[in-house]
Structures are given as C-alpha cells and as structure tokens.
PDB file of N, CA and C in Angstrom:
ATOM      1  N   MET A   1     -35.342  33.415 -44.899  1.00  0.00           N
ATOM      2  CA  MET A   1     -34.242  33.574 -44.527  1.00  0.00           C
ATOM      3  C   MET A   1     -33.940  35.009 -45.059  1.00  0.00           C
ATOM      4  N   GLN A   2     -33.099  35.319 -44.518  1.00  0.00           N
ATOM      5  CA  GLN A   2     -32.307  37.101 -44.688  1.00  0.00           C
ATOM      6  C   GLN A   2     -31.649  37.155 -45.885  1.00  0.00           C
ATOM      7  N   LEU A   3     -31.768  38.432 -46.525  1.00  0.00           N
ATOM      8  CA  LEU A   3     -31.133  38.780 -47.889  1.00  0.00           C
ATOM      9  C   LEU A   3     -30.078  39.456 -47.631  1.00  0.00           C
ATOM     10  N   ILE A   4     -30.462  40.695 -46.748  1.00  0.00           N
ATOM     11  CA  ILE A   4     -29.231  41.540 -46.458  1.00  0.00           C
ATOM     12  C   ILE A   4     -28.160  40.603 -45.485  1.00  0.00           C
ATOM     13  N   GLU A   5     -27.119  40.775 -45.938  1.00  0.00           N
ATOM     14  CA  GLU A   5     -25.782  40.413 -45.433  1.00  0.00           C
ATOM     15  C   GLU A   5     -25.405  41.176 -43.955  1.00  0.00           C
ATOM     16  N   PRO A   6     -24.847  40.622 -43.224  1.00  0.00           N
ATOM     17  CA  PRO A   6     -24.829  41.310 -42.135  1.00  0.00           C
ATOM     18  C   PRO A   6     -23.767  42.313 -42.301  1.00  0.00           C
ATOM     19  N   ASP A   7     -22.504  42.590 -43.287  1.00  0.00           N
ATOM     20  CA  ASP A   7     -22.082  43.272 -43.409  1.00  0.00           C
ATOM     21  C   ASP A   7     -22.451  44.665 -44.404  1.00  0.00           C
ATOM     22  N   GLU A   8     -23.600  44.396 -45.075  1.00  0.00           N
ATOM     23  CA  GLU A   8     -24.438  45.259 -45.822  1.00  0.00           C
ATOM     24  C   GLU A   8     -25.273  45.934 -44.937  1.00  0.00           C
ATOM     25  N   ARG A   9     -25.614  44.972 -43.638  1.00  0.00           N
ATOM     26  CA  ARG A   9     -26.529  45.835 -42.833  1.00  0.00           C
ATOM     27  C   ARG A   9     -25.305  46.768 -41.854  1.00  0.00           C
ATOM     28  N   GLN A  10     -24.163  46.498 -41.607  1.00  0.00           N
ATOM     29  CA  GLN A  10     -23.491  47.148 -40.822  1.00  0.00           C
ATOM     30  C   GLN A  10     -23.137  48.650 -41.581  1.00  0.00           C
ATOM     31  N   ALA A  11     -22.980  48.285 -42.968  1.00  0.00           N
ATOM     32  CA  ALA A  11     -22.807  49.355 -44.317  1.00  0.00           C
ATOM     33  C   ALA A  11     -23.848  50.608 -43.996  1.00  0.00           C
ATOM     34  N   PHE A  12     -25.210  50.070 -44.096  1.00  0.00           N
ATOM     35  CA  PHE A  12     -26.306  50.960 -44.202  1.00  0.00           C
ATOM     36  C   PHE A  12     -26.191  51.424 -42.667  1.00  0.00           C
ATOM     37  N   LEU A  13     -25.929  50.801 -41.188  1.00  0.00           N
ATOM     38  CA  LEU A  13     -25.915  51.847 -40.159  1.00  0.00           C
ATOM     39  C   LEU A  13     -24.914  52.572 -40.125  1.00  0.00           C
ATOM     40  N   ALA A  14     -23.609  52.237 -40.647  1.00  0.00           N
ATOM     41  CA  ALA A  14     -22.877  53.314 -40.963  1.00  0.00           C
ATOM     42  C   ALA A  14     -22.836  54.685 -41.792  1.00  0.00           C
ATOM     43  N   THR A  15     -23.734  54.188 -42.618  1.00  0.00           N
ATOM     44  CA  THR A  15     -24.517  55.410 -43.609  1.00  0.00           C
ATOM     45  C   THR A  15     -25.333  56.371 -43.193  1.00  0.00           C
ATOM     46  N   LEU A  16     -25.809  55.630 -42.416  1.00  0.00           N
ATOM     47  CA  LEU A  16     -27.100  56.801 -41.728  1.00  0.00           C
ATOM     48  C   LEU A  16     -26.560  57.434 -40.097  1.00  0.00           C
ATOM     49  N   GLN A  17     -25.381  56.939 -39.723  1.00  0.00           N
ATOM     50  CA  GLN A  17     -24.480  57.440 -38.301  1.00  0.00           C
ATOM     51  C   GLN A  17     -24.079  58.808 -39.099  1.00  0.00           C
ATOM     52  N   ARG A  18     -23.393  58.402 -40.173  1.00  0.00           N
ATOM     53  CA  ARG A  18     -22.427  59.626 -40.806  1.00  0.00           C
ATOM     54  C   ARG A  18     -23.335  60.730 -41.491  1.00  0.00           C
ATOM     55  N   LYS A  19     -24.737  60.330 -41.270  1.00  0.00           N
ATOM     56  CA  LYS A  19     -25.662  61.469 -41.531  1.00  0.00           C
ATOM     57  C   LYS A  19     -26.372  62.032 -40.460  1.00  0.00           C
ATOM     58  N   GLY A  20     -25.786  61.483 -39.213  1.00  0.00           N
ATOM     59  CA  GLY A  20     -26.707  62.042 -38.016  1.00  0.00           C
ATOM     60  C   GLY A  20     -28.110  61.469 -37.555  1.00  0.00           C
ATOM     61  N   LEU A  21     -28.041  60.208 -38.440  1.00  0.00           N
ATOM     62  CA  LEU A  21     -29.367  59.353 -38.567  1.00  0.00           C
ATOM     63  C   LEU A  21     -29.825  58.305 -37.496  1.00  0.00           C
ATOM     64  N   THR A  22     -30.528  57.574 -37.347  1.00  0.00           N
ATOM     65  CA  THR A  22     -30.527  56.689 -36.394  1.00  0.00           C
ATOM     66  C   THR A  22     -31.673  55.353 -37.290  1.00  0.00           C
ATOM     67  N   GLU A  23     -30.991  54.320 -36.815  1.00  0.00           N
ATOM     68  CA  GLU A  23     -31.810  53.186 -37.508  1.00  0.00           C
ATOM     69  C   GLU A  23     -33.811  53.139 -37.481  1.00  0.00           C
ATOM     70  N   GLY A  24     -33.929  53.852 -36.413  1.00  0.00           N
ATOM     71  CA  GLY A  24     -35.213  53.813 -35.918  1.00  0.00           C
ATOM     72  C   GLY A  24     -35.925  54.497 -37.084  1.00  0.00           C
ATOM     73  N   GLU A  25     -35.190  55.825 -37.325  1.00  0.00           N
ATOM     74  CA  GLU A  25     -35.831  56.497 -38.725  1.00  0.00           C
ATOM     75  C   GLU A  25     -36.245  55.846 -40.246  1.00  0.00           C
ATOM     76  N   PHE A  26     -35.660  54.623 -40.379  1.00  0.00           N
ATOM     77  CA  PHE A  26     -35.825  54.134 -41.707  1.00  0.00           C
ATOM     78  C   PHE A  26     -36.441  52.475 -41.277  1.00  0.00           C
ATOM     79  N   ASN A  27     -37.253  52.077 -42.103  1.00  0.00           N
ATOM     80  CA  ASN A  27     -37.484  51.012 -42.039  1.00  0.00           C
ATOM     81  C   ASN A  27     -36.999  50.163 -43.198  1.00  0.00           C
ATOM     82  N   LEU A  28     -36.879  48.725 -43.141  1.00  0.00           N
ATOM     83  CA  LEU A  28     -36.222  47.876 -44.167  1.00  0.00           C
ATOM     84  C   LEU A  28     -37.122  46.987 -44.631  1.00  0.00           C
ATOM     85  N   LEU A  29     -37.594  46.481 -45.709  1.00  0.00           N
ATOM     86  CA  LEU A  29     -38.819  45.387 -46.041  1.00  0.00           C
ATOM     87  C   LEU A  29     -38.032  44.386 -46.987  1.00  0.00           C
ATOM     88  N   GLU A  30     -37.497  43.448 -46.731  1.00  0.00           N
ATOM     89  CA  GLU A  30     -36.866  42.564 -47.651  1.00  0.00           C
ATOM     90  C   GLU A  30     -37.815  41.877 -48.188  1.00  0.00           C
ATOM     91  N   THR A  31     -37.901  41.779 -49.894  1.00  0.00           N
ATOM     92  CA  THR A  31     -38.836  40.803 -50.708  1.00  0.00           C
ATOM     93  C   THR A  31     -37.703  39.702 -51.532  1.00  0.00           C
ATOM     94  N   ASP A  32     -37.772  38.514 -51.323  1.00  0.00           N
ATOM     95  CA  ASP A  32     -37.281  37.396 -52.115  1.00  0.00           C
ATOM     96  C   ASP A  32     -37.924  37.051 -53.351  1.00  0.00           C
ATOM     97  N   THR A  33     -37.173  37.435 -54.588  1.00  0.00           N
ATOM     98  CA  THR A  33     -37.383  36.976 -55.552  1.00  0.00           C
ATOM     99  C   THR A  33     -36.869  35.676 -56.103  1.00  0.00           C
ATOM    100  N   THR A  34     -35.983  35.207 -55.338  1.00  0.00           N
ATOM    101  CA  THR A  34     -35.300  34.061 -55.586  1.00  0.00           C
ATOM    102  C   THR A  34     -36.307  32.879 -56.397  1.00  0.00           C
ATOM    103  N   ASP A  35     -35.896  32.253 -57.778  1.00  0.00           N
ATOM    104  CA  ASP A  35     -36.475  31.078 -58.327  1.00  0.00           C
ATOM    105  C   ASP A  35     -36.389  29.943 -57.503  1.00  0.00           C
ATOM    106  N   PRO A  36     -37.001  29.476 -56.645  1.00  0.00           N
ATOM    107  CA  PRO A  36     -37.085  28.309 -56.153  1.00  0.00           C
ATOM    108  C   PRO A  36     -36.546  26.973 -57.072  1.00  0.00           C
ATOM    109  N   LYS A  37     -36.773  27.002 -58.408  1.00  0.00           N
ATOM    110  CA  LYS A  37     -36.405  26.026 -59.267  1.00  0.00           C
ATOM    111  C   LYS A  37     -35.137  26.386 -59.994  1.00  0.00           C
ATOM    112  N   GLY A  38     -34.850  27.494 -59.661  1.00  0.00           N
ATOM    113  CA  GLY A  38     -33.484  28.177 -60.644  1.00  0.00           C
ATOM    114  C   GLY A  38     -32.087  27.674 -60.409  1.00  0.00           C
ATOM    115  N   ASP A  39     -31.201  28.210 -60.990  1.00  0.00           N
ATOM    116  CA  ASP A  39     -29.777  27.420 -60.941  1.00  0.00           C
ATOM    117  C   ASP A  39     -29.189  28.190 -59.160  1.00  0.00           C
ATOM    118  N   GLU A  40     -28.685  26.915 -58.334  1.00  0.00           N
ATOM    119  CA  GLU A  40     -28.590  27.220 -57.376  1.00  0.00           C
ATOM    120  C   GLU A  40     -27.228  28.483 -56.699  1.00  0.00           C
ATOM    121  N   ASN A  41     -26.776  27.913 -58.024  1.00  0.00           N
ATOM    122  CA  ASN A  41     -25.390  28.932 -58.110  1.00  0.00           C
ATOM    123  C   ASN A  41     -25.755  30.439 -57.944  1.00  0.00           C
ATOM    124  N   VAL A  42     -26.663  30.712 -58.678  1.00  0.00           N
ATOM    125  CA  VAL A  42     -27.212  32.567 -58.966  1.00  0.00           C
ATOM    126  C   VAL A  42     -27.126  32.707 -57.190  1.00  0.00           C
ATOM    127  N   GLY A  43     -27.497  32.096 -56.348  1.00  0.00           N
ATOM    128  CA  GLY A  43     -27.736  32.686 -54.877  1.00  0.00           C
ATOM    129  C   GLY A  43     -29.256  33.467 -54.881  1.00  0.00           C
ATOM    130  N   LEU A  44     -29.431  34.182 -53.648  1.00  0.00           N
ATOM    131  CA  LEU A  44     -30.530  35.027 -53.663  1.00  0.00           C
ATOM    132  C   LEU A  44     -30.773  36.198 -53.974  1.00  0.00           C
ATOM    133  N   GLN A  45     -31.862  36.155 -54.402  1.00  0.00           N
ATOM    134  CA  GLN A  45     -32.123  37.333 -55.397  1.00  0.00           C
ATOM    135  C   GLN A  45     -33.110  38.265 -54.708  1.00  0.00           C
ATOM    136  N   GLY A  46     -33.630  39.444 -54.739  1.00  0.00           N
ATOM    137  CA  GLY A  46     -34.467  40.055 -54.276  1.00  0.00           C
ATOM    138  C   GLY A  46     -34.387  41.912 -54.460  1.00  0.00           C
ATOM    139  N   TYR A  47     -34.994  42.561 -53.607  1.00  0.00           N
ATOM    140  CA  TYR A  47     -34.961  43.890 -53.438  1.00  0.00           C
ATOM    141  C   TYR A  47     -35.495  44.432 -51.709  1.00  0.00           C
ATOM    142  N   VAL A  48     -34.805  45.115 -51.329  1.00  0.00           N
ATOM    143  CA  VAL A  48     -35.472  46.137 -50.294  1.00  0.00           C
ATOM    144  C   VAL A  48     -35.730  47.083 -50.423  1.00  0.00           C
ATOM    145  N   THR A  49     -36.808  47.265 -49.663  1.00  0.00           N
ATOM    146  CA  THR A  49     -37.784  48.927 -49.931  1.00  0.00           C
ATOM    147  C   THR A  49     -36.886  49.457 -48.463  1.00  0.00           C
ATOM    148  N   VAL A  50     -36.668  50.817 -48.577  1.00  0.00           N
ATOM    149  CA  VAL A  50     -36.221  51.282 -47.842  1.00  0.00           C
ATOM    150  C   VAL A  50     -37.388  53.152 -47.541  1.00  0.00           C
ATOM    151  N   THR A  51     -37.764  52.864 -46.401  1.00  0.00           N
ATOM    152  CA  THR A  51     -38.839  53.889 -46.187  1.00  0.00           C
ATOM    153  C   THR A  51     -38.128  54.816 -44.994  1.00  0.00           C
ATOM    154  N   ARG A  52     -38.354  56.304 -45.287  1.00  0.00           N
ATOM    155  CA  ARG A  52     -37.617  56.909 -44.105  1.00  0.00           C
ATOM    156  C   ARG A  52     -39.133  57.115 -43.282  1.00  0.00           C
ATOM    157  N   LEU A  53     -39.471  56.619 -42.054  1.00  0.00           N
ATOM    158  CA  LEU A  53     -40.445  56.739 -41.613  1.00  0.00           C
ATOM    159  C   LEU A  53     -41.291  58.587 -41.535  1.00  0.00           C
ATOM    160  N   SER A  54     -40.572  59.118 -41.472  1.00  0.00           N
ATOM    161  CA  SER A  54     -41.044  60.834 -40.989  1.00  0.00           C
ATOM    162  C   SER A  54     -41.314  61.367 -42.208  1.00  0.00           C
ATOM    163  N   THR A  55     -41.267  60.684 -43.629  1.00  0.00           N
ATOM    164  CA  THR A  55     -41.711  61.542 -44.566  1.00  0.00           C
ATOM    165  C   THR A  55     -42.682  60.376 -45.280  1.00  0.00           C
ATOM    166  N   GLN A  56     -42.192  59.099 -45.120  1.00  0.00           N
ATOM    167  CA  GLN A  56     -42.783  57.799 -45.980  1.00  0.00           C
ATOM    168  C   GLN A  56     -42.542  57.915 -47.189  1.00  0.00           C
ATOM    169  N   ILE A  57     -41.302  58.270 -47.439  1.00  0.00           N
ATOM    170  CA  ILE A  57     -40.693  58.270 -49.006  1.00  0.00           C
ATOM    171  C   ILE A  57     -39.624  56.966 -48.918  1.00  0.00           C
ATOM    172  N   ALA A  58     -40.231  56.302 -49.672  1.00  0.00           N
ATOM    173  CA  ALA A  58     -39.588  55.120 -50.385  1.00  0.00           C
ATOM    174  C   ALA A  58     -38.674  54.826 -51.408  1.00  0.00           C
ATOM    175  N   ARG A  59     -37.828  54.073 -51.171  1.00  0.00           N
ATOM    176  CA  ARG A  59     -37.118  53.330 -52.386  1.00  0.00           C
ATOM    177  C   ARG A  59     -36.826  52.091 -52.613  1.00  0.00           C
ATOM    178  N   GLU A  60     -36.479  51.140 -54.080  1.00  0.00           N
ATOM    179  CA  GLU A  60     -36.685  49.984 -53.904  1.00  0.00           C
ATOM    180  C   GLU A  60     -35.260  49.723 -54.368  1.00  0.00           C
ATOM    181  N   TYR A  61     -34.308  48.717 -53.651  1.00  0.00           N
ATOM    182  CA  TYR A  61     -32.871  48.372 -54.400  1.00  0.00           C
ATOM    183  C   TYR A  61     -32.798  46.800 -54.726  1.00  0.00           C
ATOM    184  N   PRO A  62     -32.366  46.931 -55.562  1.00  0.00           N
ATOM    185  CA  PRO A  62     -32.435  44.955 -55.779  1.00  0.00           C
ATOM    186  C   PRO A  62     -31.186  44.503 -55.016  1.00  0.00           C
ATOM    187  N   ILE A  63     -31.035  43.740 -54.407  1.00  0.00           N
ATOM    188  CA  ILE A  63     -30.307  42.653 -53.473  1.00  0.00           C
ATOM    189  C   ILE A  63     -30.173  41.343 -54.133  1.00  0.00           C
ATOM    190  N   GLY A  64     -28.450  41.048 -53.746  1.00  0.00           N
ATOM    191  CA  GLY A  64     -28.475  39.952 -53.741  1.00  0.00           C
ATOM    192  C   GLY A  64     -26.827  40.042 -54.427  1.00  0.00           C
ATOM    193  N   PHE A  65     -26.387  38.982 -55.293  1.00  0.00           N
ATOM    194  CA  PHE A  65     -24.771  39.083 -55.633  1.00  0.00           C
ATOM    195  C   PHE A  65     -24.577  39.964 -55.855  1.00  0.00           C
ATOM    196  N   GLU A  66     -23.577  41.093 -55.542  1.00  0.00           N
ATOM    197  CA  GLU A  66     -22.690  42.122 -55.901  1.00  0.00           C
ATOM    198  C   GLU A  66     -23.878  43.158 -56.633  1.00  0.00           C
ATOM    199  N   THR A  67     -25.125  43.667 -56.015  1.00  0.00           N
ATOM    200  CA  THR A  67     -25.640  44.211 -56.124  1.00  0.00           C
ATOM    201  C   THR A  67     -25.643  45.949 -55.762  1.00  0.00           C
ATOM    202  N   GLY A  68     -24.957  46.139 -54.634  1.00  0.00           N
ATOM    203  CA  GLY A  68     -24.458  47.339 -54.326  1.00  0.00           C
ATOM    204  C   GLY A  68     -25.697  48.244 -54.038  1.00  0.00           C
ATOM    205  N   TRP A  69     -26.537  47.455 -53.140  1.00  0.00           N
ATOM    206  CA  TRP A  69     -27.288  48.510 -52.454  1.00  0.00           C
ATOM    207  C   TRP A  69     -27.301  49.350 -51.733  1.00  0.00           C
ATOM    208  N   VAL A  70     -26.426  49.338 -51.021  1.00  0.00           N
ATOM    209  CA  VAL A  70     -26.079  50.084 -49.805  1.00  0.00           C
ATOM    210  C   VAL A  70     -25.461  51.518 -50.617  1.00  0.00           C
ATOM    211  N   GLN A  71     -24.449  51.307 -51.555  1.00  0.00           N
ATOM    212  CA  GLN A  71     -24.026  52.417 -52.264  1.00  0.00           C
ATOM    213  C   GLN A  71     -25.314  53.116 -52.532  1.00  0.00           C
ATOM    214  N   HIS A  72     -26.095  52.759 -53.475  1.00  0.00           N
ATOM    215  CA  HIS A  72     -27.348  53.177 -53.915  1.00  0.00           C
ATOM    216  C   HIS A  72     -27.863  54.174 -53.006  1.00  0.00           C
ATOM    217  N   PHE A  73     -28.190  53.233 -52.000  1.00  0.00           N
ATOM    218  CA  PHE A  73     -28.877  54.095 -50.628  1.00  0.00           C
ATOM    219  C   PHE A  73     -28.245  55.510 -50.496  1.00  0.00           C
ATOM    220  N   ARG A  74     -26.459  55.241 -50.494  1.00  0.00           N
ATOM    221  CA  ARG A  74     -26.039  56.527 -49.840  1.00  0.00           C
ATOM    222  C   ARG A  74     -26.046  57.342 -50.362  1.00  0.00           C
ATOM    223  N   GLN A  75     -25.958  57.127 -52.196  1.00  0.00           N
ATOM    224  CA  GLN A  75     -26.224  58.065 -52.745  1.00  0.00           C
ATOM    225  C   GLN A  75     -27.243  58.799 -52.921  1.00  0.00           C
ATOM    226  N   ASP A  76     -28.496  58.244 -52.680  1.00  0.00           N
ATOM    227  CA  ASP A  76     -29.943  58.876 -52.557  1.00  0.00           C
ATOM    228  C   ASP A  76     -30.173  59.616 -51.585  1.00  0.00           C
ATOM    229  N   LEU A  77     -29.715  58.867 -50.499  1.00  0.00           N
ATOM    230  CA  LEU A  77     -29.715  59.727 -49.017  1.00  0.00           C
ATOM    231  C   LEU A  77     -28.797  61.276 -49.151  1.00  0.00           C
ATOM    232  N   GLU A  78     -27.896  61.043 -49.581  1.00  0.00           N
ATOM    233  CA  GLU A  78     -27.102  62.191 -49.740  1.00  0.00           C
ATOM    234  C   GLU A  78     -27.802  63.150 -50.957  1.00  0.00           C
ATOM    235  N   ALA A  79     -28.140  62.822 -51.896  1.00  0.00           N
ATOM    236  CA  ALA A  79     -28.658  63.671 -53.085  1.00  0.00           C
ATOM    237  C   ALA A  79     -30.265  64.222 -52.215  1.00  0.00           C
ATOM    238  N   GLY A  80     -30.652  63.914 -50.959  1.00  0.00           N
ATOM    239  CA  GLY A  80     -31.860  64.387 -50.540  1.00  0.00           C
ATOM    240  C   GLY A  80     -33.127  63.564 -50.704  1.00  0.00           C
ATOM    241  N   VAL A  81     -32.991  62.480 -51.586  1.00  0.00           N
ATOM    242  CA  VAL A  81     -34.041  61.649 -51.934  1.00  0.00           C
ATOM    243  C   VAL A  81     -34.949  61.435 -50.874  1.00  0.00           C
ATOM    244  N   PHE A  82     -34.396  60.936 -49.397  1.00  0.00           N
ATOM    245  CA  PHE A  82     -35.651  60.839 -48.256  1.00  0.00           C
ATOM    246  C   PHE A  82     -36.228  61.721 -47.422  1.00  0.00           C
ATOM    247  N   ASP A  83     -35.447  63.007 -48.050  1.00  0.00           N
ATOM    248  CA  ASP A  83     -35.940  64.460 -47.569  1.00  0.00           C
ATOM    249  C   ASP A  83     -37.570  64.529 -47.570  1.00  0.00           C
ATOM    250  N   LYS A  84     -38.255  65.739 -46.736  1.00  0.00           N
ATOM    251  CA  LYS A  84     -39.519  66.271 -47.336  1.00  0.00           C
ATOM    252  C   LYS A  84     -39.697  66.510 -48.215  1.00  0.00           C
ATOM    253  N   PRO A  85     -40.794  66.358 -49.179  1.00  0.00           N
ATOM    254  CA  PRO A  85     -41.006  66.766 -50.304  1.00  0.00           C
ATOM    255  C   PRO A  85     -41.283  68.571 -50.379  1.00  0.00           C
ATOM    256  N   GLU A  86     -40.901  68.844 -51.100  1.00  0.00           N
ATOM    257  CA  GLU A  86     -41.180  70.397 -50.708  1.00  0.00           C
ATOM    258  C   GLU A  86     -42.689  70.663 -51.585  1.00  0.00           C
TER     259      GLU A  86
END
C-alpha cells in the first residue's frame, strides 16, 4: 500500500520544479511502520527516505496523518541539505 498520498506527491514534484530539479534526480523509498494490530483510526504510518542521486545525500521524514513531510523536505532543499558536501 502506498503511504505517500497523491497530493503529497504532486507537492513534492512542484517543489522540485520550483527549484529547477526533476523527479529523476531523487529517489523516494517508503517504509510502512503501521502496527497491523493497532487502532485502525490512526491510519498508515511510516517514513519516506528521500535521496538525491547525484550526491547520495538522504534524509528521512515521517509520513502519515498530518506529518507535513513535504514542507520539511522543502525547507531542507532550500537550506542546501541535499547539495554536494563541501
């Protein structure tokens, strides 16, 4: 099951486009940490690992109900976190 919602994916792609980057420059890896025996009202939980392929710099962001991972990614991208290390 996909953890990243379609609107989150579109926001991610829009963030890349605003920075002049393409989807192919990054890899997204979703990891589901939802407790299968847990309360169904909580919804899906996990994290996404975003890796910039050219630098191999990766960051993990929690995903699930109201986590705002795309905003955290945008802040890191704008701060140069994914740029080549000096």
